[in-house]
Amino acid sequence: MAKLLAFVVMFSLCFLPLIHGGRKIPTRTQDGSEEWGYVEVRPKAHMFWWLYKSPYRVEDPSKPWPIVLWLQGGPGASGVGIGNFEEVGPLDTGLKPRNLTWLQKADLLFVDNPVGTGYSFVEDTKLFVKSDLEAADDLTTLLEKLFNGDEKLQKSPLFIVAQSYGGKFAVTLALSALKAIEAGKLKLKLGGVALGDTWISPEDFVFSWGPLLKDVSRLDDNGLKQAQSLAEKIRQQIQQGQYEEATDSWGELEDVIYANSNGVDFYNFLLDSEMDSVSSSTTVLKLSKESVTKRYSRYLSVLRSTPTPGGDDDLDDLMNGAIKKKLKIIPENVTWGGQSKGVFLAMQGDFMRPRIDEVDQLLAKGVNVTIYSGQLDLICATKGTEAWVKKLKWEGLQIFLSKDRTPLYCGKGGPTKGFMSSHQNLHFYWILGAGHDVPADQPCVALDMLGHITNSPR
């Protein structure tokens, strides 16, 4: 704890903005514990990154100290803001120390991805990415800029940890990075990929919503019938490659679920959502692109407004106020999250595209793949995750599925916090009592899990 407090003190001390020829380049804290900056991944497309170096670092030649690259979902949700201050970074939204920060096990690299997310921005909206593969190209360019000239970073294995839609970014990035490594264009060691409540197979998730909610009494038979009918429509659209139409139908299905469940929370099915329904309570309307945008804006507003006792409960104000002032290099005309809607709209054609094949490719290449799922999540429900895992073509799948699970605890004994199963390079964690945001809901077991994933020396 003393190390973390010292780290927090340094947060408020002098910063060293570096300017060269009128061009802003990476900035750091005086003690070097934090670095941040922009990488122009394409002309006029600027991606923001923020690296925290752990005060808990342990030097162990047999277990190199790891780096975690955190990728948020959306698309258009900010890792620099949400993942950092809401979930795993050193400080919470009230700028108070987080007791179970992931810095205890690794260095943390947050990136606002794709361009247009968070502090990242494009000078021309035509530069928004339209697919996961385009996003992977940009992220690979960023990694080349950060790692190729820094031998210290190259010594640490990089673990890509993703949440929600970030899982699709993670698997496409991992394959892109491996290709760049093999070609000698990228100097880093990929330690593994961790997929937390991730949107890998939209079809399997939309089919999981109705049965799960029926089992926990949030839907009746009529609601289940409506939900499964729309899920079947989405399946057919995906099979026919009609991904934008499937995105519209996804929004329509969410309205059906919302109306028939009396407003269930998609991120914790034990709760009621505080969001206003886009559709009326009695009529389900086919969503236009404008309605999907409204829904997405509402989703982001929920993520940005997690109250912290005694602290700032508005992430927008924090990121556009104290944090923007600290970082110094954010252009005046850039508002944190100001281009997020555009990011989502640009990717509607890829939103419902599955990425199961990419997981298979990583497993076949021997990459460690970890999947973790919050018991109470609906949007990326465990039922849906288990369904897409069973579709893997990986040669070790049947043995993996036959394995017994190991219970998880925090500390010595105590109540069961989850289960895990593992075979070769595939690992699965079931986290009890957690919704969509596992590290926020169950920070202790999530931190233990991270230590296992990264083989952290601490």
Protein backbone atom coordinates (compact mmCIF):
# COMPACT_ATOMS: atom_id res chain seq x y z
CA MET A 1 0.00 0.00 0.00
CA ALA A 2 2.88 2.36 0.75
CA LYS A 3 4.16 1.91 -2.80
CA LEU A 4 0.75 2.81 -4.21
CA LEU A 5 0.46 5.90 -2.00
CA ALA A 6 3.87 7.07 -3.18
CA PHE A 7 2.70 6.50 -6.74
CA VAL A 8 -0.41 8.62 -6.12
CA VAL A 9 1.66 11.46 -4.65
CA MET A 10 3.72 11.56 -7.83
CA PHE A 11 0.48 11.85 -9.82
CA SER A 12 0.11 15.44 -8.67
CA LEU A 13 3.75 16.52 -9.07
CA CYS A 14 5.48 18.18 -12.01
CA PHE A 15 5.07 16.83 -15.51
CA LEU A 16 7.46 17.14 -18.43
CA PRO A 17 5.67 17.95 -21.70
CA LEU A 18 8.11 17.49 -24.58
CA ILE A 19 7.68 19.73 -27.60
CA HIS A 20 9.78 19.42 -30.73
CA GLY A 21 9.35 21.76 -33.68
CA GLY A 22 5.83 22.62 -32.56
CA ARG A 23 4.90 18.91 -32.59
CA LYS A 24 3.72 17.29 -29.37
CA ILE A 25 5.44 14.00 -28.56
CA PRO A 26 5.11 11.55 -25.62
CA THR A 27 5.00 13.03 -22.15
CA ARG A 28 5.85 11.50 -18.79
CA THR A 29 5.79 12.11 -15.08
CA GLN A 30 8.97 13.38 -13.45
CA ASP A 31 9.76 9.99 -11.91
CA GLY A 32 9.03 8.11 -15.14
CA SER A 33 6.23 6.05 -13.57
CA GLU A 34 3.78 7.19 -16.25
CA GLU A 35 4.15 7.97 -19.93
CA TRP A 36 1.53 8.99 -22.47
CA GLY A 37 1.24 10.41 -25.92
CA TYR A 38 -0.23 10.25 -29.39
CA VAL A 39 0.77 8.05 -32.31
CA GLU A 40 -0.33 9.15 -35.76
CA VAL A 41 -1.28 5.67 -36.96
CA ARG A 42 -2.33 7.05 -40.32
CA PRO A 43 -2.14 10.58 -41.68
CA LYS A 44 -4.58 12.71 -39.63
CA ALA A 45 -5.61 9.72 -37.47
CA HIS A 46 -4.27 10.07 -33.92
CA MET A 47 -4.35 7.33 -31.27
CA PHE A 48 -3.81 8.15 -27.59
CA TRP A 49 -2.00 5.81 -25.19
CA TRP A 50 -1.14 5.91 -21.49
CA LEU A 51 1.44 3.59 -19.87
CA TYR A 52 1.71 3.04 -16.09
CA LYS A 53 4.87 1.40 -14.78
CA SER A 54 4.16 -0.64 -11.68
CA PRO A 55 5.60 0.42 -8.30
CA TYR A 56 5.33 -3.26 -7.32
CA ARG A 57 7.67 -4.51 -10.04
CA VAL A 58 9.71 -7.60 -9.11
CA GLU A 59 12.82 -8.54 -11.07
CA ASP A 60 12.85 -12.28 -11.65
CA PRO A 61 14.79 -13.68 -14.65
CA SER A 62 12.61 -16.80 -14.67
CA LYS A 63 9.38 -14.74 -14.70
CA PRO A 64 9.70 -11.47 -16.68
CA TRP A 65 7.52 -8.63 -15.42
CA PRO A 66 4.46 -8.45 -17.73
CA ILE A 67 2.67 -5.60 -19.48
CA VAL A 68 -1.11 -5.65 -19.87
CA LEU A 69 -2.63 -3.87 -22.86
CA TRP A 70 -6.23 -3.13 -21.88
CA LEU A 71 -8.75 -2.86 -24.73
CA GLN A 72 -12.24 -1.53 -23.96
CA GLY A 73 -15.37 -2.35 -25.90
CA GLY A 74 -18.08 -0.38 -27.61
CA PRO A 75 -16.79 0.07 -30.24
CA GLY A 76 -16.06 3.59 -29.06
CA ALA A 77 -15.69 3.07 -25.30
CA SER A 78 -12.50 4.52 -23.80
CA GLY A 79 -9.94 2.25 -22.15
CA VAL A 80 -8.01 5.30 -20.94
CA GLY A 81 -11.12 6.46 -19.12
CA ILE A 82 -13.35 3.48 -18.31
CA GLY A 83 -10.87 0.63 -17.95
CA ASN A 84 -8.38 2.86 -16.18
CA PHE A 85 -10.50 4.81 -13.68
CA GLU A 86 -13.54 2.51 -13.41
CA GLU A 87 -11.87 -0.88 -13.28
CA VAL A 88 -8.14 -1.65 -12.98
CA GLY A 89 -5.95 1.49 -12.92
CA PRO A 90 -4.18 2.96 -9.86
CA LEU A 91 -6.90 5.54 -9.12
CA ASP A 92 -10.69 5.52 -9.09
CA THR A 93 -12.96 8.24 -10.48
CA GLY A 94 -12.52 10.22 -7.27
CA LEU A 95 -8.71 10.05 -7.81
CA LYS A 96 -8.41 7.87 -4.71
CA PRO A 97 -6.04 4.86 -4.63
CA ARG A 98 -7.53 1.60 -5.86
CA ASN A 99 -6.49 -1.05 -3.35
CA LEU A 100 -6.64 -3.90 -5.88
CA THR A 101 -5.21 -2.17 -8.92
CA TRP A 102 -3.83 -4.49 -11.58
CA LEU A 103 -0.51 -2.66 -11.22
CA GLN A 104 0.14 -5.12 -8.40
CA LYS A 105 0.73 -7.79 -11.07
CA ALA A 106 1.79 -5.92 -14.22
CA ASP A 107 2.49 -2.64 -15.96
CA LEU A 108 -0.65 -1.26 -17.60
CA LEU A 109 -1.00 0.18 -21.09
CA PHE A 110 -4.33 1.83 -21.86
CA VAL A 111 -5.19 2.77 -25.43
CA ASP A 112 -8.17 4.70 -26.77
CA ASN A 113 -9.02 2.42 -29.68
CA PRO A 114 -10.22 2.71 -32.44
CA VAL A 115 -9.23 6.23 -33.51
CA GLY A 116 -12.05 8.58 -32.53
CA THR A 117 -12.48 6.89 -29.13
CA GLY A 118 -11.79 8.79 -25.89
CA TYR A 119 -8.89 11.18 -26.45
CA SER A 120 -8.02 9.59 -29.81
CA PHE A 121 -9.30 11.57 -32.77
CA VAL A 122 -9.42 11.86 -36.52
CA GLU A 123 -9.15 15.10 -38.44
CA ASP A 124 -11.54 13.74 -41.07
CA THR A 125 -14.43 11.43 -40.18
CA LYS A 126 -13.71 9.42 -43.34
CA LEU A 127 -10.71 8.08 -41.38
CA PHE A 128 -12.81 6.13 -38.86
CA VAL A 129 -12.11 2.40 -39.15
CA LYS A 130 -14.89 0.28 -40.59
CA SER A 131 -13.77 -3.14 -39.40
CA ASP A 132 -11.94 -5.01 -36.66
CA LEU A 133 -9.14 -5.74 -39.13
CA GLU A 134 -8.59 -2.04 -39.84
CA ALA A 135 -8.53 -1.38 -36.10
CA ALA A 136 -5.93 -4.14 -35.71
CA ASP A 137 -3.72 -2.50 -38.32
CA ASP A 138 -3.81 0.80 -36.42
CA LEU A 139 -3.06 -0.90 -33.10
CA THR A 140 -0.16 -2.81 -34.63
CA THR A 141 1.27 0.48 -35.90
CA LEU A 142 0.97 1.90 -32.38
CA LEU A 143 2.77 -1.10 -30.87
CA GLU A 144 5.57 -0.75 -33.42
CA LYS A 145 6.03 2.90 -32.43
CA LEU A 146 6.07 2.11 -28.70
CA PHE A 147 8.06 -1.14 -28.55
CA ASN A 148 10.54 -1.10 -31.41
CA GLY A 149 12.68 1.65 -29.92
CA ASP A 150 12.45 0.62 -26.27
CA GLU A 151 14.48 -2.42 -25.21
CA LYS A 152 13.03 -2.32 -21.69
CA LEU A 153 9.50 -2.76 -23.05
CA GLN A 154 10.68 -5.56 -25.32
CA LYS A 155 11.83 -7.58 -22.31
CA SER A 156 8.29 -7.73 -20.89
CA PRO A 157 5.74 -10.12 -22.40
CA LEU A 158 2.62 -8.30 -23.61
CA PHE A 159 -0.77 -9.65 -22.59
CA ILE A 160 -3.77 -8.27 -24.47
CA VAL A 161 -6.70 -8.14 -22.04
CA ALA A 162 -10.04 -7.10 -23.45
CA GLN A 163 -13.59 -6.48 -22.32
CA SER A 164 -16.84 -6.62 -24.28
CA TYR A 165 -16.39 -5.65 -27.96
CA GLY A 166 -12.70 -5.25 -27.14
CA GLY A 167 -12.39 -9.03 -27.49
CA LYS A 168 -12.89 -8.76 -31.24
CA PHE A 169 -10.15 -6.12 -31.33
CA ALA A 170 -7.93 -8.33 -29.18
CA VAL A 171 -8.00 -11.44 -31.37
CA THR A 172 -7.55 -9.53 -34.64
CA LEU A 173 -4.74 -7.48 -33.08
CA ALA A 174 -2.99 -10.59 -31.75
CA LEU A 175 -2.93 -12.15 -35.22
CA SER A 176 -1.79 -8.90 -36.82
CA ALA A 177 0.95 -8.48 -34.20
CA LEU A 178 2.18 -12.06 -34.70
CA LYS A 179 2.40 -11.45 -38.44
CA ALA A 180 4.40 -8.26 -37.82
CA ILE A 181 6.67 -10.06 -35.35
CA GLU A 182 7.34 -12.87 -37.84
CA ALA A 183 8.13 -10.28 -40.53
CA GLY A 184 10.58 -8.50 -38.23
CA LYS A 185 8.49 -5.33 -38.17
CA LEU A 186 7.49 -5.55 -34.49
CA LYS A 187 9.81 -6.26 -31.57
CA LEU A 188 7.79 -7.71 -28.72
CA LYS A 189 6.87 -11.01 -27.14
CA LEU A 190 3.16 -11.81 -27.11
CA GLY A 191 2.38 -13.44 -23.77
CA GLY A 192 -1.28 -14.19 -24.41
CA VAL A 193 -4.80 -12.91 -24.92
CA ALA A 194 -7.55 -12.67 -22.29
CA LEU A 195 -11.16 -12.22 -23.36
CA GLY A 196 -13.41 -10.86 -20.62
CA ASP A 197 -17.17 -10.99 -21.32
CA THR A 198 -16.37 -10.42 -24.98
CA TRP A 199 -18.61 -10.08 -28.04
CA ILE A 200 -16.83 -12.83 -30.02
CA SER A 201 -20.00 -14.45 -31.41
CA PRO A 202 -23.02 -12.10 -31.49
CA GLU A 203 -25.28 -14.89 -32.77
CA ASP A 204 -24.64 -17.07 -29.73
CA PHE A 205 -25.23 -14.18 -27.35
CA VAL A 206 -28.56 -13.06 -28.79
CA PHE A 207 -29.79 -16.66 -28.59
CA SER A 208 -28.73 -16.82 -24.93
CA TRP A 209 -30.70 -13.79 -23.73
CA GLY A 210 -34.22 -15.22 -23.88
CA PRO A 211 -33.59 -18.61 -22.23
CA LEU A 212 -31.40 -17.08 -19.51
CA LEU A 213 -33.99 -14.44 -18.60
CA LYS A 214 -36.77 -17.03 -18.68
CA ASP A 215 -34.77 -19.19 -16.25
CA VAL A 216 -34.41 -16.30 -13.79
CA SER A 217 -38.08 -15.21 -14.17
CA ARG A 218 -37.45 -11.94 -16.03
CA LEU A 219 -39.26 -13.19 -19.16
CA ASP A 220 -42.44 -15.22 -19.58
CA ASP A 221 -43.20 -17.61 -22.43
CA ASN A 222 -44.53 -14.82 -24.65
CA GLY A 223 -41.39 -12.73 -24.13
CA LEU A 224 -39.18 -15.75 -24.78
CA LYS A 225 -41.03 -16.50 -28.03
CA GLN A 226 -40.58 -12.94 -29.27
CA ALA A 227 -36.91 -12.92 -28.31
CA GLN A 228 -36.09 -16.23 -30.00
CA SER A 229 -37.95 -15.20 -33.15
CA LEU A 230 -35.79 -12.09 -33.47
CA ALA A 231 -32.66 -14.07 -32.61
CA GLU A 232 -33.45 -16.42 -35.50
CA LYS A 233 -33.85 -13.40 -37.79
CA ILE A 234 -30.42 -12.19 -36.67
CA ARG A 235 -28.91 -15.64 -37.29
CA GLN A 236 -30.19 -15.64 -40.86
CA GLN A 237 -28.92 -12.09 -41.48
CA ILE A 238 -25.46 -13.02 -40.17
CA GLN A 239 -25.35 -16.18 -42.30
CA GLN A 240 -26.26 -14.10 -45.37
CA GLY A 241 -23.60 -11.49 -44.57
CA GLN A 242 -26.20 -8.79 -43.87
CA TYR A 243 -24.27 -7.39 -40.92
CA GLU A 244 -25.73 -3.86 -40.86
CA GLU A 245 -29.24 -5.29 -40.98
CA ALA A 246 -28.27 -7.66 -38.16
CA THR A 247 -27.11 -4.65 -36.12
CA ASP A 248 -30.52 -3.05 -36.58
CA SER A 249 -32.22 -6.31 -35.54
CA TRP A 250 -29.92 -6.51 -32.49
CA GLY A 251 -31.24 -3.13 -31.37
CA GLU A 252 -34.79 -4.30 -31.99
CA LEU A 253 -34.18 -7.42 -29.90
CA GLU A 254 -32.78 -5.33 -27.04
CA ASP A 255 -36.03 -3.34 -27.06
CA VAL A 256 -38.09 -6.54 -26.93
CA ILE A 257 -36.02 -7.80 -23.99
CA TYR A 258 -36.26 -4.44 -22.25
CA ALA A 259 -40.04 -4.17 -22.66
CA ASN A 260 -40.86 -7.77 -21.67
CA SER A 261 -38.50 -7.83 -18.67
CA ASN A 262 -39.64 -4.44 -17.37
CA GLY A 263 -36.22 -2.93 -17.93
CA VAL A 264 -33.62 -5.57 -17.04
CA ASP A 265 -30.03 -4.34 -16.83
CA PHE A 266 -28.06 -5.82 -19.72
CA TYR A 267 -24.85 -5.71 -17.67
CA ASN A 268 -26.23 -7.41 -14.54
CA PHE A 269 -29.48 -9.31 -14.96
CA LEU A 270 -30.27 -9.17 -11.23
CA LEU A 271 -30.78 -5.42 -11.55
CA ASP A 272 -33.18 -3.06 -13.26
CA SER A 273 -31.67 -0.74 -15.81
CA GLU A 274 -31.81 2.99 -15.14
CA MET A 275 -31.88 3.68 -18.86
CA ASP A 276 -34.97 4.99 -20.61
CA SER A 277 -36.35 2.63 -23.21
CA VAL A 278 -35.93 3.69 -26.82
CA SER A 279 -39.16 1.98 -27.76
CA SER A 280 -42.51 2.40 -26.07
CA SER A 281 -43.48 -0.15 -23.43
CA THR A 282 -46.15 -1.69 -25.65
CA THR A 283 -44.82 -1.35 -29.19
CA VAL A 284 -41.55 -2.64 -30.60
CA LEU A 285 -40.21 -0.46 -33.43
CA LYS A 286 -37.52 -1.35 -35.95
CA LEU A 287 -34.52 0.80 -35.08
CA SER A 288 -33.14 3.29 -37.54
CA LYS A 289 -29.44 4.12 -37.51
CA GLU A 290 -30.30 7.21 -35.47
CA SER A 291 -32.01 5.04 -32.85
CA VAL A 292 -29.04 2.68 -32.68
CA THR A 293 -26.82 5.71 -32.14
CA LYS A 294 -29.12 6.92 -29.38
CA ARG A 295 -28.96 3.50 -27.73
CA TYR A 296 -25.18 3.44 -27.97
CA SER A 297 -24.92 6.96 -26.54
CA ARG A 298 -27.07 5.79 -23.65
CA TYR A 299 -24.81 2.76 -23.14
CA LEU A 300 -21.76 5.00 -22.93
CA SER A 301 -23.48 7.33 -20.47
CA VAL A 302 -24.05 4.41 -18.10
CA LEU A 303 -20.40 3.37 -18.32
CA ARG A 304 -19.27 6.93 -17.62
CA SER A 305 -21.45 7.48 -14.59
CA THR A 306 -20.52 4.95 -11.93
CA PRO A 307 -20.76 6.83 -8.61
CA THR A 308 -17.77 6.73 -6.31
CA PRO A 309 -18.44 7.52 -2.62
CA GLY A 310 -16.87 10.86 -1.77
CA GLY A 311 -15.58 11.30 -5.32
CA ASP A 312 -16.48 12.62 -8.74
CA ASP A 313 -19.31 10.48 -10.10
CA ASP A 314 -19.09 11.82 -13.65
CA LEU A 315 -16.31 10.37 -15.75
CA ASP A 316 -16.94 12.90 -18.51
CA ASP A 317 -16.19 15.78 -16.16
CA LEU A 318 -13.09 14.04 -14.82
CA MET A 319 -11.64 13.23 -18.23
CA ASN A 320 -12.42 16.63 -19.73
CA GLY A 321 -11.31 18.43 -16.58
CA ALA A 322 -8.59 17.30 -14.18
CA ILE A 323 -7.17 14.54 -16.38
CA LYS A 324 -7.04 16.61 -19.55
CA LYS A 325 -5.27 19.33 -17.57
CA LYS A 326 -2.76 16.80 -16.19
CA LEU A 327 -1.94 15.30 -19.57
CA LYS A 328 -1.38 18.71 -21.20
CA ILE A 329 -1.10 17.37 -24.74
CA ILE A 330 -4.81 16.84 -25.52
CA PRO A 331 -5.73 19.40 -28.22
CA GLU A 332 -8.12 22.08 -27.03
CA ASN A 333 -10.69 21.15 -29.67
CA VAL A 334 -10.69 17.47 -28.63
CA THR A 335 -13.35 16.40 -26.14
CA TRP A 336 -12.97 13.03 -24.46
CA GLY A 337 -15.55 10.76 -26.12
CA GLY A 338 -16.60 13.47 -28.54
CA GLN A 339 -16.28 11.21 -31.60
CA SER A 340 -17.51 7.96 -30.03
CA LYS A 341 -20.86 7.88 -31.83
CA GLY A 342 -19.07 8.23 -35.15
CA VAL A 343 -16.81 5.30 -34.26
CA PHE A 344 -19.81 3.05 -33.63
CA LEU A 345 -21.69 4.10 -36.75
CA ALA A 346 -18.63 3.52 -38.93
CA MET A 347 -18.35 -0.05 -37.60
CA GLN A 348 -21.99 -1.11 -37.92
CA GLY A 349 -21.04 -3.32 -40.85
CA ASP A 350 -18.67 -5.35 -38.63
CA PHE A 351 -20.49 -5.16 -35.30
CA MET A 352 -22.32 -8.48 -35.67
CA ARG A 353 -19.51 -10.34 -37.46
CA PRO A 354 -18.21 -13.32 -35.43
CA ARG A 355 -14.51 -13.77 -34.62
CA ILE A 356 -14.50 -17.43 -33.51
CA ASP A 357 -12.14 -18.36 -36.33
CA GLU A 358 -9.56 -15.88 -35.05
CA VAL A 359 -9.65 -17.55 -31.62
CA ASP A 360 -9.06 -20.88 -33.33
CA GLN A 361 -6.10 -19.47 -35.24
CA LEU A 362 -4.51 -18.18 -32.02
CA LEU A 363 -4.96 -21.52 -30.29
CA ALA A 364 -3.46 -23.35 -33.26
CA LYS A 365 -0.42 -21.04 -33.11
CA GLY A 366 0.09 -21.96 -29.45
CA VAL A 367 -0.96 -18.57 -28.06
CA ASN A 368 -2.34 -18.68 -24.52
CA VAL A 369 -6.03 -17.76 -24.72
CA THR A 370 -7.95 -17.06 -21.51
CA ILE A 371 -11.70 -16.54 -21.43
CA TYR A 372 -13.41 -15.13 -18.35
CA SER A 373 -17.10 -14.54 -17.82
CA GLY A 374 -19.15 -12.79 -15.15
CA GLN A 375 -22.00 -14.94 -13.84
CA LEU A 376 -24.54 -12.08 -13.90
CA ASP A 377 -23.73 -10.59 -17.29
CA LEU A 378 -26.50 -10.62 -19.89
CA ILE A 379 -25.09 -8.80 -22.92
CA CYS A 380 -22.19 -11.31 -23.16
CA ALA A 381 -23.81 -14.02 -21.06
CA THR A 382 -21.86 -17.08 -19.92
CA LYS A 383 -24.44 -19.25 -21.68
CA GLY A 384 -23.52 -17.58 -24.98
CA THR A 385 -19.79 -17.74 -24.28
CA GLU A 386 -19.94 -21.47 -23.57
CA ALA A 387 -21.91 -21.92 -26.82
CA TRP A 388 -19.27 -20.28 -29.03
CA VAL A 389 -16.41 -22.07 -27.24
CA LYS A 390 -18.04 -25.38 -28.21
CA LYS A 391 -17.86 -24.29 -31.86
CA LEU A 392 -14.05 -24.08 -31.79
CA LYS A 393 -12.23 -26.43 -34.16
CA TRP A 394 -9.14 -26.51 -31.95
CA GLU A 395 -7.79 -30.05 -31.58
CA GLY A 396 -7.76 -29.91 -27.78
CA LEU A 397 -11.41 -28.83 -27.38
CA GLN A 398 -12.96 -32.17 -26.43
CA ILE A 399 -10.39 -32.80 -23.71
CA PHE A 400 -10.91 -29.24 -22.46
CA LEU A 401 -14.69 -29.75 -22.27
CA SER A 402 -14.23 -33.02 -20.33
CA LYS A 403 -12.03 -31.47 -17.63
CA ASP A 404 -13.32 -30.90 -14.09
CA ARG A 405 -13.42 -27.32 -12.85
CA THR A 406 -11.29 -26.02 -10.00
CA PRO A 407 -12.96 -23.73 -7.45
CA LEU A 408 -11.56 -20.24 -6.89
CA TYR A 409 -11.28 -18.31 -3.63
CA CYS A 410 -9.81 -15.04 -2.43
CA GLY A 411 -7.21 -15.44 0.25
CA LYS A 412 -7.31 -18.57 2.38
CA GLY A 413 -10.62 -20.36 2.18
CA GLY A 414 -13.81 -18.35 2.37
CA PRO A 415 -16.78 -18.47 0.00
CA THR A 416 -16.42 -19.77 -3.53
CA LYS A 417 -15.65 -16.88 -5.89
CA GLY A 418 -15.60 -18.81 -9.14
CA PHE A 419 -14.28 -21.78 -11.07
CA MET A 420 -11.62 -22.36 -13.69
CA SER A 421 -10.78 -25.03 -16.21
CA SER A 422 -7.67 -25.35 -18.34
CA HIS A 423 -6.16 -27.57 -21.01
CA GLN A 424 -2.95 -26.78 -22.89
CA ASN A 425 -3.25 -23.12 -23.96
CA LEU A 426 -7.00 -22.60 -23.41
CA HIS A 427 -8.18 -21.38 -20.01
CA PHE A 428 -11.72 -20.51 -18.84
CA TYR A 429 -12.75 -18.63 -15.68
CA TRP A 430 -16.32 -18.49 -14.39
CA ILE A 431 -16.53 -15.52 -11.97
CA LEU A 432 -19.41 -15.65 -9.50
CA GLY A 433 -21.23 -12.52 -8.39
CA ALA A 434 -19.88 -10.44 -11.28
CA GLY A 435 -21.69 -8.77 -14.13
CA HIS A 436 -20.18 -7.42 -17.34
CA ASP A 437 -17.34 -5.56 -15.59
CA VAL A 438 -15.61 -8.42 -13.76
CA PRO A 439 -12.64 -6.44 -12.30
CA ALA A 440 -15.02 -3.83 -10.86
CA ASP A 441 -17.52 -6.35 -9.47
CA GLN A 442 -15.08 -8.94 -8.12
CA PRO A 443 -11.69 -7.18 -7.87
CA CYS A 444 -9.99 -9.72 -5.58
CA VAL A 445 -10.55 -12.84 -7.68
CA ALA A 446 -9.93 -10.81 -10.86
CA LEU A 447 -6.52 -9.75 -9.56
CA ASP A 448 -5.65 -13.34 -8.64
CA MET A 449 -6.77 -14.42 -12.10
CA LEU A 450 -4.52 -11.81 -13.70
CA GLY A 451 -1.55 -13.17 -11.77
CA HIS A 452 -2.22 -16.64 -13.19
CA ILE A 453 -2.77 -15.35 -16.73
CA THR A 454 0.47 -13.37 -16.81
CA ASN A 455 2.56 -15.68 -14.61
CA SER A 456 3.42 -12.52 -12.67
CA PRO A 457 6.41 -12.88 -10.31
CA ARG A 458 4.48 -11.05 -7.60
